[in-house]
């Protein structure tokens, strides 16, 4: 659905981003029912998640000349952005947990 919106309306925004925003919007509207519905598929996906990183790693290794010059910078940015996202998601989940327990 995100790709369709990308093709017809928002050509400057990637379809995968549109799809994630739509999924998050549905989660905000439906809530816990969506979590139960998606949980089984998510657990299966997480079980096989390391297999999805193999093609990415092979692709990066093919561009060794690019990674030799900028590899340290890319790696640092990757660590920083991952740590930042962990902090943001942790904060949001703690806040949501407090809101659910209070009300």
PDB file of N, CA and C in Angstrom:
ATOM      1  N   UNK A   1       0.820  -1.177   0.000  1.00  0.00           N
ATOM      2  CA  UNK A   1       0.000   0.000   0.000  1.00  0.00           C
ATOM      3  C   UNK A   1       0.877   1.260   0.000  1.00  0.00           C
ATOM      4  N   UNK A   2       1.998   1.186   0.725  1.00  0.00           N
ATOM      5  CA  UNK A   2       2.909   2.318   0.749  1.00  0.00           C
ATOM      6  C   UNK A   2       3.505   2.605  -0.615  1.00  0.00           C
ATOM      7  N   UNK A   3       3.814   1.556  -1.371  1.00  0.00           N
ATOM      8  CA  UNK A   3       4.358   1.741  -2.716  1.00  0.00           C
ATOM      9  C   UNK A   3       3.322   2.366  -3.649  1.00  0.00           C
ATOM     10  N   UNK A   4       2.062   1.984  -3.497  1.00  0.00           N
ATOM     11  CA  UNK A   4       1.003   2.557  -4.327  1.00  0.00           C
ATOM     12  C   UNK A   4       0.858   4.050  -4.048  1.00  0.00           C
ATOM     13  N   UNK A   5       0.851   4.410  -2.777  1.00  0.00           N
ATOM     14  CA  UNK A   5       0.771   5.830  -2.421  1.00  0.00           C
ATOM     15  C   UNK A   5       2.000   6.566  -2.942  1.00  0.00           C
ATOM     16  N   UNK A   6       3.165   5.917  -2.843  1.00  0.00           N
ATOM     17  CA  UNK A   6       4.404   6.516  -3.357  1.00  0.00           C
ATOM     18  C   UNK A   6       4.289   6.770  -4.860  1.00  0.00           C
ATOM     19  N   UNK A   7       3.772   5.813  -5.604  1.00  0.00           N
ATOM     20  CA  UNK A   7       3.699   5.935  -7.060  1.00  0.00           C
ATOM     21  C   UNK A   7       2.721   7.019  -7.509  1.00  0.00           C
ATOM     22  N   UNK A   8       1.605   7.185  -6.803  1.00  0.00           N
ATOM     23  CA  UNK A   8       0.567   8.090  -7.279  1.00  0.00           C
ATOM     24  C   UNK A   8       0.538   9.446  -6.577  1.00  0.00           C
ATOM     25  N   UNK A   9       0.973   9.522  -5.331  1.00  0.00           N
ATOM     26  CA  UNK A   9       0.806  10.771  -4.589  1.00  0.00           C
ATOM     27  C   UNK A   9       2.113  11.385  -4.096  1.00  0.00           C
ATOM     28  N   UNK A  10       2.919  10.599  -3.414  1.00  0.00           N
ATOM     29  CA  UNK A  10       4.108  11.136  -2.756  1.00  0.00           C
ATOM     30  C   UNK A  10       5.373  10.528  -3.359  1.00  0.00           C
ATOM     31  N   UNK A  11       5.728  10.972  -4.537  1.00  0.00           N
ATOM     32  CA  UNK A  11       6.881  10.370  -5.213  1.00  0.00           C
ATOM     33  C   UNK A  11       8.208  10.717  -4.535  1.00  0.00           C
ATOM     34  N   UNK A  12       8.251  11.728  -3.694  1.00  0.00           N
ATOM     35  CA  UNK A  12       9.486  12.127  -3.027  1.00  0.00           C
ATOM     36  C   UNK A  12       9.741  11.342  -1.750  1.00  0.00           C
ATOM     37  N   UNK A  13       8.750  10.584  -1.277  1.00  0.00           N
ATOM     38  CA  UNK A  13       8.884   9.826  -0.037  1.00  0.00           C
ATOM     39  C   UNK A  13       8.882   8.329  -0.351  1.00  0.00           C
ATOM     40  N   UNK A  14       9.857   7.556   0.132  1.00  0.00           N
ATOM     41  CA  UNK A  14       9.909   6.124  -0.186  1.00  0.00           C
ATOM     42  C   UNK A  14       8.663   5.379   0.308  1.00  0.00           C
ATOM     43  N   UNK A  15       8.251   4.407  -0.471  1.00  0.00           N
ATOM     44  CA  UNK A  15       7.068   3.628  -0.133  1.00  0.00           C
ATOM     45  C   UNK A  15       7.205   2.855   1.161  1.00  0.00           C
ATOM     46  N   UNK A  16       8.407   2.421   1.484  1.00  0.00           N
ATOM     47  CA  UNK A  16       8.594   1.676   2.732  1.00  0.00           C
ATOM     48  C   UNK A  16       8.346   2.568   3.943  1.00  0.00           C
ATOM     49  N   UNK A  17       8.734   3.826   3.858  1.00  0.00           N
ATOM     50  CA  UNK A  17       8.489   4.768   4.954  1.00  0.00           C
ATOM     51  C   UNK A  17       6.995   5.035   5.080  1.00  0.00           C
ATOM     52  N   UNK A  18       6.331   5.219   3.959  1.00  0.00           N
ATOM     53  CA  UNK A  18       4.883   5.435   3.983  1.00  0.00           C
ATOM     54  C   UNK A  18       4.185   4.231   4.609  1.00  0.00           C
ATOM     55  N   UNK A  19       4.624   3.028   4.252  1.00  0.00           N
ATOM     56  CA  UNK A  19       4.034   1.814   4.813  1.00  0.00           C
ATOM     57  C   UNK A  19       4.230   1.717   6.314  1.00  0.00           C
ATOM     58  N   UNK A  20       5.422   2.082   6.794  1.00  0.00           N
ATOM     59  CA  UNK A  20       5.659   2.045   8.246  1.00  0.00           C
ATOM     60  C   UNK A  20       4.798   3.066   8.970  1.00  0.00           C
ATOM     61  N   UNK A  21       4.625   4.253   8.377  1.00  0.00           N
ATOM     62  CA  UNK A  21       3.775   5.269   9.001  1.00  0.00           C
ATOM     63  C   UNK A  21       2.326   4.792   9.024  1.00  0.00           C
ATOM     64  N   UNK A  22       1.873   4.151   7.944  1.00  0.00           N
ATOM     65  CA  UNK A  22       0.511   3.617   7.919  1.00  0.00           C
ATOM     66  C   UNK A  22       0.322   2.520   8.966  1.00  0.00           C
ATOM     67  N   UNK A  23       1.296   1.630   9.093  1.00  0.00           N
ATOM     68  CA  UNK A  23       1.207   0.565  10.089  1.00  0.00           C
ATOM     69  C   UNK A  23       1.192   1.142  11.504  1.00  0.00           C
ATOM     70  N   UNK A  24       2.007   2.154  11.748  1.00  0.00           N
ATOM     71  CA  UNK A  24       2.019   2.801  13.063  1.00  0.00           C
ATOM     72  C   UNK A  24       0.693   3.495  13.336  1.00  0.00           C
ATOM     73  N   UNK A  25       0.105   4.113  12.313  1.00  0.00           N
ATOM     74  CA  UNK A  25      -1.197   4.764  12.482  1.00  0.00           C
ATOM     75  C   UNK A  25      -2.282   3.750  12.822  1.00  0.00           C
ATOM     76  N   UNK A  26      -2.255   2.615  12.147  1.00  0.00           N
ATOM     77  CA  UNK A  26      -3.221   1.557  12.449  1.00  0.00           C
ATOM     78  C   UNK A  26      -3.022   1.060  13.875  1.00  0.00           C
ATOM     79  N   UNK A  27      -1.772   0.926  14.296  1.00  0.00           N
ATOM     80  CA  UNK A  27      -1.494   0.502  15.669  1.00  0.00           C
ATOM     81  C   UNK A  27      -2.066   1.492  16.674  1.00  0.00           C
ATOM     82  N   UNK A  28      -1.894   2.779  16.409  1.00  0.00           N
ATOM     83  CA  UNK A  28      -2.423   3.782  17.330  1.00  0.00           C
ATOM     84  C   UNK A  28      -3.947   3.735  17.401  1.00  0.00           C
ATOM     85  N   UNK A  29      -4.597   3.409  16.286  1.00  0.00           N
ATOM     86  CA  UNK A  29      -6.062   3.361  16.271  1.00  0.00           C
ATOM     87  C   UNK A  29      -6.607   2.073  16.881  1.00  0.00           C
ATOM     88  N   UNK A  30      -6.001   0.947  16.537  1.00  0.00           N
ATOM     89  CA  UNK A  30      -6.535  -0.349  16.962  1.00  0.00           C
ATOM     90  C   UNK A  30      -5.928  -0.798  18.284  1.00  0.00           C
ATOM     91  N   UNK A  31      -4.640  -0.557  18.475  1.00  0.00           N
ATOM     92  CA  UNK A  31      -3.997  -0.869  19.745  1.00  0.00           C
ATOM     93  C   UNK A  31      -3.651  -2.334  19.921  1.00  0.00           C
ATOM     94  N   UNK A  32      -4.059  -2.882  21.054  1.00  0.00           N
ATOM     95  CA  UNK A  32      -3.632  -4.217  21.470  1.00  0.00           C
ATOM     96  C   UNK A  32      -4.141  -5.335  20.549  1.00  0.00           C
ATOM     97  N   UNK A  33      -5.261  -5.137  19.892  1.00  0.00           N
ATOM     98  CA  UNK A  33      -5.761  -6.180  18.978  1.00  0.00           C
ATOM     99  C   UNK A  33      -4.777  -6.421  17.846  1.00  0.00           C
ATOM    100  N   UNK A  34      -4.133  -5.353  17.369  1.00  0.00           N
ATOM    101  CA  UNK A  34      -3.144  -5.489  16.301  1.00  0.00           C
ATOM    102  C   UNK A  34      -1.910  -6.229  16.797  1.00  0.00           C
ATOM    103  N   UNK A  35      -1.525  -5.986  18.039  1.00  0.00           N
ATOM    104  CA  UNK A  35      -0.344  -6.659  18.595  1.00  0.00           C
ATOM    105  C   UNK A  35      -0.579  -8.162  18.631  1.00  0.00           C
ATOM    106  N   UNK A  36      -1.730  -8.589  19.084  1.00  0.00           N
ATOM    107  CA  UNK A  36      -2.023 -10.025  19.118  1.00  0.00           C
ATOM    108  C   UNK A  36      -2.050 -10.614  17.715  1.00  0.00           C
ATOM    109  N   UNK A  37      -2.544  -9.856  16.744  1.00  0.00           N
ATOM    110  CA  UNK A  37      -2.664 -10.341  15.372  1.00  0.00           C
ATOM    111  C   UNK A  37      -1.290 -10.462  14.699  1.00  0.00           C
ATOM    112  N   UNK A  38      -0.397  -9.531  14.996  1.00  0.00           N
ATOM    113  CA  UNK A  38       0.911  -9.488  14.342  1.00  0.00           C
ATOM    114  C   UNK A  38       1.959 -10.310  15.084  1.00  0.00           C
ATOM    115  N   UNK A  39       1.723 -10.632  16.349  1.00  0.00           N
ATOM    116  CA  UNK A  39       2.749 -11.233  17.200  1.00  0.00           C
ATOM    117  C   UNK A  39       3.319 -12.538  16.636  1.00  0.00           C
ATOM    118  N   UNK A  40       2.470 -13.408  16.155  1.00  0.00           N
ATOM    119  CA  UNK A  40       2.951 -14.703  15.660  1.00  0.00           C
ATOM    120  C   UNK A  40       3.862 -14.535  14.451  1.00  0.00           C
ATOM    121  N   UNK A  41       3.478 -13.671  13.518  1.00  0.00           N
ATOM    122  CA  UNK A  41       4.319 -13.417  12.351  1.00  0.00           C
ATOM    123  C   UNK A  41       5.618 -12.726  12.723  1.00  0.00           C
ATOM    124  N   UNK A  42       5.559 -11.820  13.696  1.00  0.00           N
ATOM    125  CA  UNK A  42       6.765 -11.109  14.126  1.00  0.00           C
ATOM    126  C   UNK A  42       7.754 -12.062  14.788  1.00  0.00           C
ATOM    127  N   UNK A  43       7.253 -12.999  15.574  1.00  0.00           N
ATOM    128  CA  UNK A  43       8.144 -13.967  16.214  1.00  0.00           C
ATOM    129  C   UNK A  43       8.842 -14.836  15.181  1.00  0.00           C
ATOM    130  N   UNK A  44       8.126 -15.226  14.141  1.00  0.00           N
ATOM    131  CA  UNK A  44       8.738 -16.010  13.070  1.00  0.00           C
ATOM    132  C   UNK A  44       9.792 -15.187  12.333  1.00  0.00           C
ATOM    133  N   UNK A  45       9.486 -13.915  12.077  1.00  0.00           N
ATOM    134  CA  UNK A  45      10.426 -13.027  11.400  1.00  0.00           C
ATOM    135  C   UNK A  45      11.695 -12.845  12.224  1.00  0.00           C
ATOM    136  N   UNK A  46      11.545 -12.637  13.516  1.00  0.00           N
ATOM    137  CA  UNK A  46      12.701 -12.431  14.386  1.00  0.00           C
ATOM    138  C   UNK A  46      13.557 -13.696  14.455  1.00  0.00           C
ATOM    139  N   UNK A  47      12.907 -14.857  14.383  1.00  0.00           N
ATOM    140  CA  UNK A  47      13.657 -16.114  14.422  1.00  0.00           C
ATOM    141  C   UNK A  47      14.629 -16.220  13.252  1.00  0.00           C
ATOM    142  N   UNK A  48      14.219 -15.744  12.072  1.00  0.00           N
ATOM    143  CA  UNK A  48      15.052 -15.845  10.877  1.00  0.00           C
ATOM    144  C   UNK A  48      15.716 -14.518  10.497  1.00  0.00           C
ATOM    145  N   UNK A  49      15.677 -13.535  11.363  1.00  0.00           N
ATOM    146  CA  UNK A  49      16.230 -12.215  11.075  1.00  0.00           C
ATOM    147  C   UNK A  49      17.710 -12.229  10.699  1.00  0.00           C
ATOM    148  N   UNK A  50      18.567 -13.015  11.345  1.00  0.00           N
ATOM    149  CA  UNK A  50      19.987 -12.990  10.944  1.00  0.00           C
ATOM    150  C   UNK A  50      20.217 -13.368   9.481  1.00  0.00           C
ATOM    151  N   UNK A  51      19.347 -14.164   8.897  1.00  0.00           N
ATOM    152  CA  UNK A  51      19.514 -14.531   7.495  1.00  0.00           C
ATOM    153  C   UNK A  51      19.354 -13.327   6.570  1.00  0.00           C
ATOM    154  N   UNK A  52      18.598 -12.320   6.997  1.00  0.00           N
ATOM    155  CA  UNK A  52      18.396 -11.148   6.163  1.00  0.00           C
ATOM    156  C   UNK A  52      19.625 -10.248   6.116  1.00  0.00           C
ATOM    157  N   UNK A  53      20.542 -10.396   7.068  1.00  0.00           N
ATOM    158  CA  UNK A  53      21.735  -9.565   7.091  1.00  0.00           C
ATOM    159  C   UNK A  53      22.853 -10.116   6.212  1.00  0.00           C
ATOM    160  N   UNK A  54      22.772 -11.359   5.785  1.00  0.00           N
ATOM    161  CA  UNK A  54      23.827 -11.949   4.959  1.00  0.00           C
ATOM    162  C   UNK A  54      23.962 -11.221   3.622  1.00  0.00           C
ATOM    163  N   UNK A  55      22.881 -10.985   2.861  1.00  0.00           N
ATOM    164  CA  UNK A  55      23.062 -10.267   1.586  1.00  0.00           C
ATOM    165  C   UNK A  55      23.590  -8.844   1.771  1.00  0.00           C
ATOM    166  N   UNK A  56      23.187  -8.185   2.832  1.00  0.00           N
ATOM    167  CA  UNK A  56      23.673  -6.833   3.089  1.00  0.00           C
ATOM    168  C   UNK A  56      25.172  -6.855   3.349  1.00  0.00           C
ATOM    169  N   UNK A  57      25.618  -7.804   4.135  1.00  0.00           N
ATOM    170  CA  UNK A  57      27.043  -7.909   4.451  1.00  0.00           C
ATOM    171  C   UNK A  57      27.859  -8.209   3.199  1.00  0.00           C
ATOM    172  N   UNK A  58      27.366  -9.100   2.369  1.00  0.00           N
ATOM    173  CA  UNK A  58      28.065  -9.422   1.119  1.00  0.00           C
ATOM    174  C   UNK A  58      28.114  -8.198   0.218  1.00  0.00           C
ATOM    175  N   UNK A  59      27.025  -7.442   0.163  1.00  0.00           N
ATOM    176  CA  UNK A  59      27.004  -6.222  -0.642  1.00  0.00           C
ATOM    177  C   UNK A  59      28.007  -5.196  -0.155  1.00  0.00           C
ATOM    178  N   UNK A  60      28.131  -5.063   1.143  1.00  0.00           N
ATOM    179  CA  UNK A  60      29.099  -4.113   1.697  1.00  0.00           C
ATOM    180  C   UNK A  60      30.520  -4.564   1.391  1.00  0.00           C
ATOM    181  N   UNK A  61      30.774  -5.850   1.478  1.00  0.00           N
ATOM    182  CA  UNK A  61      32.121  -6.355   1.214  1.00  0.00           C
ATOM    183  C   UNK A  61      32.529  -6.172  -0.250  1.00  0.00           C
ATOM    184  N   UNK A  62      31.570  -6.096  -1.159  1.00  0.00           N
ATOM    185  CA  UNK A  62      31.896  -5.879  -2.565  1.00  0.00           C
ATOM    186  C   UNK A  62      32.441  -4.469  -2.803  1.00  0.00           C
ATOM    187  N   UNK A  63      32.084  -3.532  -1.956  1.00  0.00           N
ATOM    188  CA  UNK A  63      32.537  -2.149  -2.106  1.00  0.00           C
ATOM    189  C   UNK A  63      33.611  -1.827  -1.066  1.00  0.00           C
ATOM    190  N   UNK A  64      34.628  -2.658  -1.029  1.00  0.00           N
ATOM    191  CA  UNK A  64      35.699  -2.503  -0.046  1.00  0.00           C
ATOM    192  C   UNK A  64      36.419  -1.174  -0.189  1.00  0.00           C
ATOM    193  N   UNK A  65      36.604  -0.706  -1.415  1.00  0.00           N
ATOM    194  CA  UNK A  65      37.320   0.563  -1.613  1.00  0.00           C
ATOM    195  C   UNK A  65      36.541   1.734  -1.016  1.00  0.00           C
ATOM    196  N   UNK A  66      35.240   1.720  -1.118  1.00  0.00           N
ATOM    197  CA  UNK A  66      34.428   2.775  -0.522  1.00  0.00           C
ATOM    198  C   UNK A  66      34.447   2.689   0.996  1.00  0.00           C
ATOM    199  N   UNK A  67      34.354   1.477   1.510  1.00  0.00           N
ATOM    200  CA  UNK A  67      34.310   1.287   2.960  1.00  0.00           C
ATOM    201  C   UNK A  67      35.662   1.551   3.621  1.00  0.00           C
ATOM    202  N   UNK A  68      36.757   1.399   2.889  1.00  0.00           N
ATOM    203  CA  UNK A  68      38.059   1.631   3.511  1.00  0.00           C
ATOM    204  C   UNK A  68      38.247   3.099   3.861  1.00  0.00           C
ATOM    205  N   UNK A  69      37.737   4.000   3.045  1.00  0.00           N
ATOM    206  CA  UNK A  69      37.888   5.414   3.328  1.00  0.00           C
ATOM    207  C   UNK A  69      36.870   5.946   4.315  1.00  0.00           C
ATOM    208  N   UNK A  70      35.655   5.512   4.191  1.00  0.00           N
ATOM    209  CA  UNK A  70      34.580   6.053   5.004  1.00  0.00           C
ATOM    210  C   UNK A  70      33.995   5.040   5.982  1.00  0.00           C
ATOM    211  N   UNK A  71      34.608   3.884   6.092  1.00  0.00           N
ATOM    212  CA  UNK A  71      34.071   2.819   6.933  1.00  0.00           C
ATOM    213  C   UNK A  71      33.953   3.189   8.394  1.00  0.00           C
ATOM    214  N   UNK A  72      34.962   3.845   8.918  1.00  0.00           N
ATOM    215  CA  UNK A  72      34.933   4.246  10.331  1.00  0.00           C
ATOM    216  C   UNK A  72      33.808   5.242  10.570  1.00  0.00           C
ATOM    217  N   UNK A  73      33.639   6.180   9.664  1.00  0.00           N
ATOM    218  CA  UNK A  73      32.561   7.174   9.808  1.00  0.00           C
ATOM    219  C   UNK A  73      31.201   6.495   9.714  1.00  0.00           C
ATOM    220  N   UNK A  74      31.028   5.622   8.733  1.00  0.00           N
ATOM    221  CA  UNK A  74      29.762   4.910   8.586  1.00  0.00           C
ATOM    222  C   UNK A  74      29.461   4.059   9.814  1.00  0.00           C
ATOM    223  N   UNK A  75      30.476   3.369  10.291  1.00  0.00           N
ATOM    224  CA  UNK A  75      30.291   2.517  11.461  1.00  0.00           C
ATOM    225  C   UNK A  75      29.920   3.347  12.693  1.00  0.00           C
ATOM    226  N   UNK A  76      30.578   4.478  12.870  1.00  0.00           N
ATOM    227  CA  UNK A  76      30.251   5.363  13.984  1.00  0.00           C
ATOM    228  C   UNK A  76      28.827   5.899  13.884  1.00  0.00           C
ATOM    229  N   UNK A  77      28.431   6.308  12.686  1.00  0.00           N
ATOM    230  CA  UNK A  77      27.060   6.784  12.494  1.00  0.00           C
ATOM    231  C   UNK A  77      26.039   5.681  12.727  1.00  0.00           C
ATOM    232  N   UNK A  78      26.379   4.483  12.316  1.00  0.00           N
ATOM    233  CA  UNK A  78      25.490   3.345  12.539  1.00  0.00           C
ATOM    234  C   UNK A  78      25.309   3.074  14.021  1.00  0.00           C
ATOM    235  N   UNK A  79      26.399   3.069  14.766  1.00  0.00           N
ATOM    236  CA  UNK A  79      26.306   2.862  16.213  1.00  0.00           C
ATOM    237  C   UNK A  79      25.528   3.981  16.892  1.00  0.00           C
ATOM    238  N   UNK A  80      25.814   5.221  16.513  1.00  0.00           N
ATOM    239  CA  UNK A  80      25.122   6.360  17.109  1.00  0.00           C
ATOM    240  C   UNK A  80      23.623   6.309  16.831  1.00  0.00           C
ATOM    241  N   UNK A  81      23.244   6.075  15.579  1.00  0.00           N
ATOM    242  CA  UNK A  81      21.815   6.055  15.245  1.00  0.00           C
ATOM    243  C   UNK A  81      21.110   4.874  15.908  1.00  0.00           C
ATOM    244  N   UNK A  82      21.768   3.734  16.002  1.00  0.00           N
ATOM    245  CA  UNK A  82      21.164   2.582  16.678  1.00  0.00           C
ATOM    246  C   UNK A  82      20.960   2.872  18.159  1.00  0.00           C
ATOM    247  N   UNK A  83      21.968   3.452  18.804  1.00  0.00           N
ATOM    248  CA  UNK A  83      21.853   3.783  20.219  1.00  0.00           C
ATOM    249  C   UNK A  83      20.766   4.829  20.451  1.00  0.00           C
ATOM    250  N   UNK A  84      20.699   5.815  19.564  1.00  0.00           N
ATOM    251  CA  UNK A  84      19.671   6.848  19.682  1.00  0.00           C
ATOM    252  C   UNK A  84      18.269   6.246  19.549  1.00  0.00           C
ATOM    253  N   UNK A  85      18.088   5.342  18.607  1.00  0.00           N
ATOM    254  CA  UNK A  85      16.775   4.716  18.433  1.00  0.00           C
ATOM    255  C   UNK A  85      16.416   3.842  19.630  1.00  0.00           C
ATOM    256  N   UNK A  86      17.378   3.148  20.199  1.00  0.00           N
ATOM    257  CA  UNK A  86      17.113   2.345  21.391  1.00  0.00           C
ATOM    258  C   UNK A  86      16.654   3.248  22.530  1.00  0.00           C
ATOM    259  N   UNK A  87      17.297   4.391  22.707  1.00  0.00           N
ATOM    260  CA  UNK A  87      16.899   5.324  23.755  1.00  0.00           C
ATOM    261  C   UNK A  87      15.496   5.875  23.524  1.00  0.00           C
ATOM    262  N   UNK A  88      15.208   6.274  22.301  1.00  0.00           N
ATOM    263  CA  UNK A  88      13.891   6.847  21.996  1.00  0.00           C
ATOM    264  C   UNK A  88      12.790   5.814  22.188  1.00  0.00           C
ATOM    265  N   UNK A  89      12.986   4.613  21.677  1.00  0.00           N
ATOM    266  CA  UNK A  89      11.960   3.569  21.807  1.00  0.00           C
ATOM    267  C   UNK A  89      11.791   3.174  23.264  1.00  0.00           C
ATOM    268  N   UNK A  90      12.881   3.092  24.016  1.00  0.00           N
ATOM    269  CA  UNK A  90      12.783   2.760  25.439  1.00  0.00           C
ATOM    270  C   UNK A  90      11.976   3.811  26.187  1.00  0.00           C
ATOM    271  N   UNK A  91      12.255   5.082  25.903  1.00  0.00           N
ATOM    272  CA  UNK A  91      11.513   6.164  26.545  1.00  0.00           C
ATOM    273  C   UNK A  91      10.026   6.085  26.206  1.00  0.00           C
ATOM    274  N   UNK A  92       9.716   5.888  24.924  1.00  0.00           N
ATOM    275  CA  UNK A  92       8.312   5.834  24.512  1.00  0.00           C
ATOM    276  C   UNK A  92       7.584   4.631  25.113  1.00  0.00           C
ATOM    277  N   UNK A  93       8.261   3.489  25.186  1.00  0.00           N
ATOM    278  CA  UNK A  93       7.617   2.310  25.765  1.00  0.00           C
ATOM    279  C   UNK A  93       7.403   2.480  27.267  1.00  0.00           C
ATOM    280  N   UNK A  94       8.365   3.073  27.967  1.00  0.00           N
ATOM    281  CA  UNK A  94       8.175   3.335  29.395  1.00  0.00           C
ATOM    282  C   UNK A  94       7.032   4.310  29.628  1.00  0.00           C
ATOM    283  N   UNK A  95       6.959   5.318  28.808  1.00  0.00           N
ATOM    284  CA  UNK A  95       5.871   6.293  28.930  1.00  0.00           C
ATOM    285  C   UNK A  95       4.519   5.650  28.659  1.00  0.00           C
ATOM    286  N   UNK A  96       4.463   4.805  27.626  1.00  0.00           N
ATOM    287  CA  UNK A  96       3.200   4.106  27.315  1.00  0.00           C
ATOM    288  C   UNK A  96       2.810   3.162  28.454  1.00  0.00           C
ATOM    289  N   UNK A  97       3.783   2.479  29.023  1.00  0.00           N
ATOM    290  CA  UNK A  97       3.513   1.561  30.137  1.00  0.00           C
ATOM    291  C   UNK A  97       2.964   2.326  31.333  1.00  0.00           C
ATOM    292  N   UNK A  98       3.540   3.490  31.628  1.00  0.00           N
ATOM    293  CA  UNK A  98       3.030   4.317  32.737  1.00  0.00           C
ATOM    294  C   UNK A  98       1.609   4.790  32.478  1.00  0.00           C
ATOM    295  N   UNK A  99       1.342   5.194  31.215  1.00  0.00           N
ATOM    296  CA  UNK A  99       0.003   5.658  30.873  1.00  0.00           C
ATOM    297  C   UNK A  99      -1.020   4.548  30.992  1.00  0.00           C
ATOM    298  N   UNK A 100      -0.651   3.332  30.587  1.00  0.00           N
ATOM    299  CA  UNK A 100      -1.577   2.204  30.670  1.00  0.00           C
ATOM    300  C   UNK A 100      -1.812   1.781  32.112  1.00  0.00           C
ATOM    301  N   UNK A 101      -0.796   1.862  32.959  1.00  0.00           N
ATOM    302  CA  UNK A 101      -0.938   1.444  34.344  1.00  0.00           C
ATOM    303  C   UNK A 101      -1.707   2.483  35.179  1.00  0.00           C
ATOM    304  N   UNK A 102      -1.632   3.743  34.784  1.00  0.00           N
ATOM    305  CA  UNK A 102      -2.341   4.798  35.539  1.00  0.00           C
ATOM    306  C   UNK A 102      -3.825   4.859  35.176  1.00  0.00           C
ATOM    307  N   UNK A 103      -4.141   4.549  33.955  1.00  0.00           N
ATOM    308  CA  UNK A 103      -5.526   4.754  33.511  1.00  0.00           C
ATOM    309  C   UNK A 103      -6.172   3.484  33.248  1.00  0.00           C
TER     310      UNK A 103
END
